[in-house]
N, C-alpha and C. Protein backbone atom coordinates (compact mmCIF):
# COMPACT_ATOMS: atom_id res chain seq x y z
N VAL A 1 127.98 -48.13 213.34
CA VAL A 1 128.18 -48.76 212.05
C VAL A 1 129.65 -49.13 211.90
N ALA A 2 129.97 -49.80 210.80
CA ALA A 2 131.33 -50.25 210.47
C ALA A 2 131.81 -51.37 211.39
N ARG A 3 130.87 -52.10 211.96
CA ARG A 3 131.25 -53.24 212.80
C ARG A 3 130.81 -54.57 212.19
N ARG A 4 130.12 -54.51 211.09
CA ARG A 4 129.66 -55.72 210.42
C ARG A 4 130.54 -56.01 209.22
N ALA A 5 130.24 -57.10 208.55
CA ALA A 5 131.09 -57.55 207.44
C ALA A 5 131.06 -56.60 206.24
N SER A 6 129.96 -55.87 206.08
CA SER A 6 129.87 -54.98 204.92
C SER A 6 128.97 -53.78 205.24
N PRO A 7 129.15 -52.70 204.49
CA PRO A 7 128.28 -51.54 204.68
C PRO A 7 126.80 -51.86 204.44
N SER A 8 126.52 -52.79 203.55
CA SER A 8 125.12 -53.13 203.30
C SER A 8 124.49 -53.81 204.52
N GLU A 9 125.28 -54.56 205.28
CA GLU A 9 124.76 -55.15 206.53
C GLU A 9 124.49 -54.05 207.55
N ASP A 10 125.39 -53.08 207.64
CA ASP A 10 125.16 -51.93 208.52
C ASP A 10 123.89 -51.19 208.10
N ALA A 11 123.72 -51.02 206.81
CA ALA A 11 122.54 -50.32 206.30
C ALA A 11 121.26 -51.06 206.67
N ALA A 12 121.28 -52.37 206.63
CA ALA A 12 120.10 -53.16 206.99
C ALA A 12 119.71 -52.92 208.45
N ILE A 13 120.70 -52.78 209.32
CA ILE A 13 120.42 -52.50 210.73
C ILE A 13 119.80 -51.11 210.87
N ILE A 14 120.36 -50.13 210.19
CA ILE A 14 119.81 -48.77 210.25
C ILE A 14 118.39 -48.75 209.70
N GLN A 15 118.14 -49.47 208.63
CA GLN A 15 116.79 -49.53 208.05
C GLN A 15 115.81 -50.17 209.02
N ALA A 16 116.25 -51.19 209.73
CA ALA A 16 115.38 -51.84 210.72
C ALA A 16 115.06 -50.88 211.86
N ILE A 17 116.04 -50.12 212.28
CA ILE A 17 115.81 -49.12 213.33
C ILE A 17 114.83 -48.06 212.83
N ARG A 18 115.04 -47.58 211.62
CA ARG A 18 114.15 -46.57 211.05
C ARG A 18 112.72 -47.11 210.94
N ASN A 19 112.59 -48.34 210.48
CA ASN A 19 111.26 -48.94 210.35
C ASN A 19 110.58 -49.09 211.70
N ARG A 20 111.35 -49.41 212.70
CA ARG A 20 110.79 -49.62 214.05
C ARG A 20 110.41 -48.29 214.71
N LEU A 21 111.27 -47.28 214.57
CA LEU A 21 111.07 -46.03 215.30
C LEU A 21 110.43 -44.92 214.48
N GLY A 22 110.40 -45.09 213.17
CA GLY A 22 109.79 -44.07 212.32
C GLY A 22 110.70 -42.88 212.08
N TYR A 23 110.09 -41.81 211.60
CA TYR A 23 110.85 -40.62 211.21
C TYR A 23 110.75 -39.49 212.23
N GLN A 24 110.26 -39.80 213.42
CA GLN A 24 110.14 -38.79 214.47
C GLN A 24 111.44 -38.55 215.22
N ILE A 25 112.44 -39.38 214.97
CA ILE A 25 113.73 -39.21 215.62
C ILE A 25 114.81 -39.00 214.56
N ASN A 26 115.90 -38.37 214.98
CA ASN A 26 117.06 -38.21 214.10
C ASN A 26 118.00 -39.38 214.32
N ILE A 27 118.55 -39.88 213.23
CA ILE A 27 119.56 -40.94 213.32
C ILE A 27 120.86 -40.39 212.74
N ARG A 28 121.92 -40.56 213.51
CA ARG A 28 123.27 -40.16 213.08
C ARG A 28 124.15 -41.40 213.15
N VAL A 29 125.08 -41.52 212.24
CA VAL A 29 126.00 -42.66 212.28
C VAL A 29 127.43 -42.17 212.13
N ASP A 30 128.35 -42.92 212.72
CA ASP A 30 129.77 -42.60 212.67
C ASP A 30 130.53 -43.90 212.47
N ALA A 31 131.22 -44.02 211.36
CA ALA A 31 131.98 -45.23 211.05
C ALA A 31 133.39 -45.20 211.64
N ASN A 32 133.73 -44.14 212.33
CA ASN A 32 135.04 -44.04 212.98
C ASN A 32 136.21 -44.35 212.05
N ARG A 33 136.12 -43.83 210.85
CA ARG A 33 137.19 -43.96 209.84
C ARG A 33 137.50 -45.41 209.47
N MET A 34 136.51 -46.28 209.60
CA MET A 34 136.72 -47.70 209.31
C MET A 34 136.42 -48.07 207.86
N TRP A 35 135.67 -47.22 207.15
CA TRP A 35 135.30 -47.54 205.78
C TRP A 35 136.26 -46.90 204.79
N THR A 36 136.40 -47.57 203.67
CA THR A 36 137.06 -46.93 202.53
C THR A 36 136.06 -45.96 201.90
N PHE A 37 136.53 -45.15 200.99
CA PHE A 37 135.63 -44.24 200.27
C PHE A 37 134.53 -45.04 199.58
N GLU A 38 134.90 -46.13 198.94
CA GLU A 38 133.93 -46.95 198.21
C GLU A 38 132.88 -47.55 199.15
N GLU A 39 133.31 -47.98 200.33
CA GLU A 39 132.36 -48.54 201.30
C GLU A 39 131.40 -47.47 201.81
N ALA A 40 131.91 -46.27 202.02
CA ALA A 40 131.05 -45.17 202.47
C ALA A 40 130.00 -44.85 201.41
N ILE A 41 130.40 -44.85 200.16
CA ILE A 41 129.45 -44.61 199.06
C ILE A 41 128.41 -45.72 199.02
N GLU A 42 128.84 -46.96 199.17
CA GLU A 42 127.91 -48.10 199.18
C GLU A 42 126.88 -47.93 200.29
N PHE A 43 127.34 -47.60 201.49
CA PHE A 43 126.43 -47.40 202.62
C PHE A 43 125.45 -46.27 202.31
N GLY A 44 125.96 -45.17 201.82
CA GLY A 44 125.10 -44.03 201.50
C GLY A 44 124.02 -44.37 200.50
N LYS A 45 124.36 -45.14 199.50
CA LYS A 45 123.37 -45.55 198.51
C LYS A 45 122.32 -46.47 199.13
N CYS A 46 122.75 -47.33 200.03
CA CYS A 46 121.81 -48.27 200.66
C CYS A 46 120.80 -47.57 201.56
N ILE A 47 121.20 -46.49 202.20
CA ILE A 47 120.31 -45.84 203.17
C ILE A 47 119.79 -44.49 202.67
N ALA A 48 119.90 -44.25 201.39
CA ALA A 48 119.52 -42.95 200.83
C ALA A 48 118.10 -42.52 201.19
N SER A 49 117.20 -43.45 201.29
CA SER A 49 115.80 -43.09 201.56
C SER A 49 115.46 -43.12 203.05
N ASP A 50 116.45 -43.32 203.91
CA ASP A 50 116.18 -43.46 205.34
C ASP A 50 116.38 -42.17 206.14
N SER A 51 116.67 -41.08 205.48
CA SER A 51 116.73 -39.76 206.10
C SER A 51 117.60 -39.70 207.35
N LEU A 52 118.87 -40.05 207.20
CA LEU A 52 119.79 -39.89 208.32
C LEU A 52 120.11 -38.41 208.49
N GLN A 53 120.32 -37.99 209.72
CA GLN A 53 120.67 -36.60 209.96
C GLN A 53 122.07 -36.33 209.39
N TYR A 54 123.00 -37.24 209.66
CA TYR A 54 124.30 -37.15 209.01
C TYR A 54 125.07 -38.45 209.17
N ILE A 55 126.07 -38.59 208.33
CA ILE A 55 127.01 -39.71 208.38
C ILE A 55 128.38 -39.09 208.60
N GLU A 56 129.06 -39.52 209.64
CA GLU A 56 130.39 -38.97 209.90
C GLU A 56 131.44 -39.98 209.54
């Protein structure tokens, strides 16, 4: 994550992965300190229902 123009675009990719692979796998993401606090909150809100194992 944190390679697209906005956190919502990153979230769309994660949602597509979740939709494709289902909930049988764990998904973890790491923005490598690229987001501001506000961007991290935006991303978290966008993927709240996608059951990520963690966001670093």
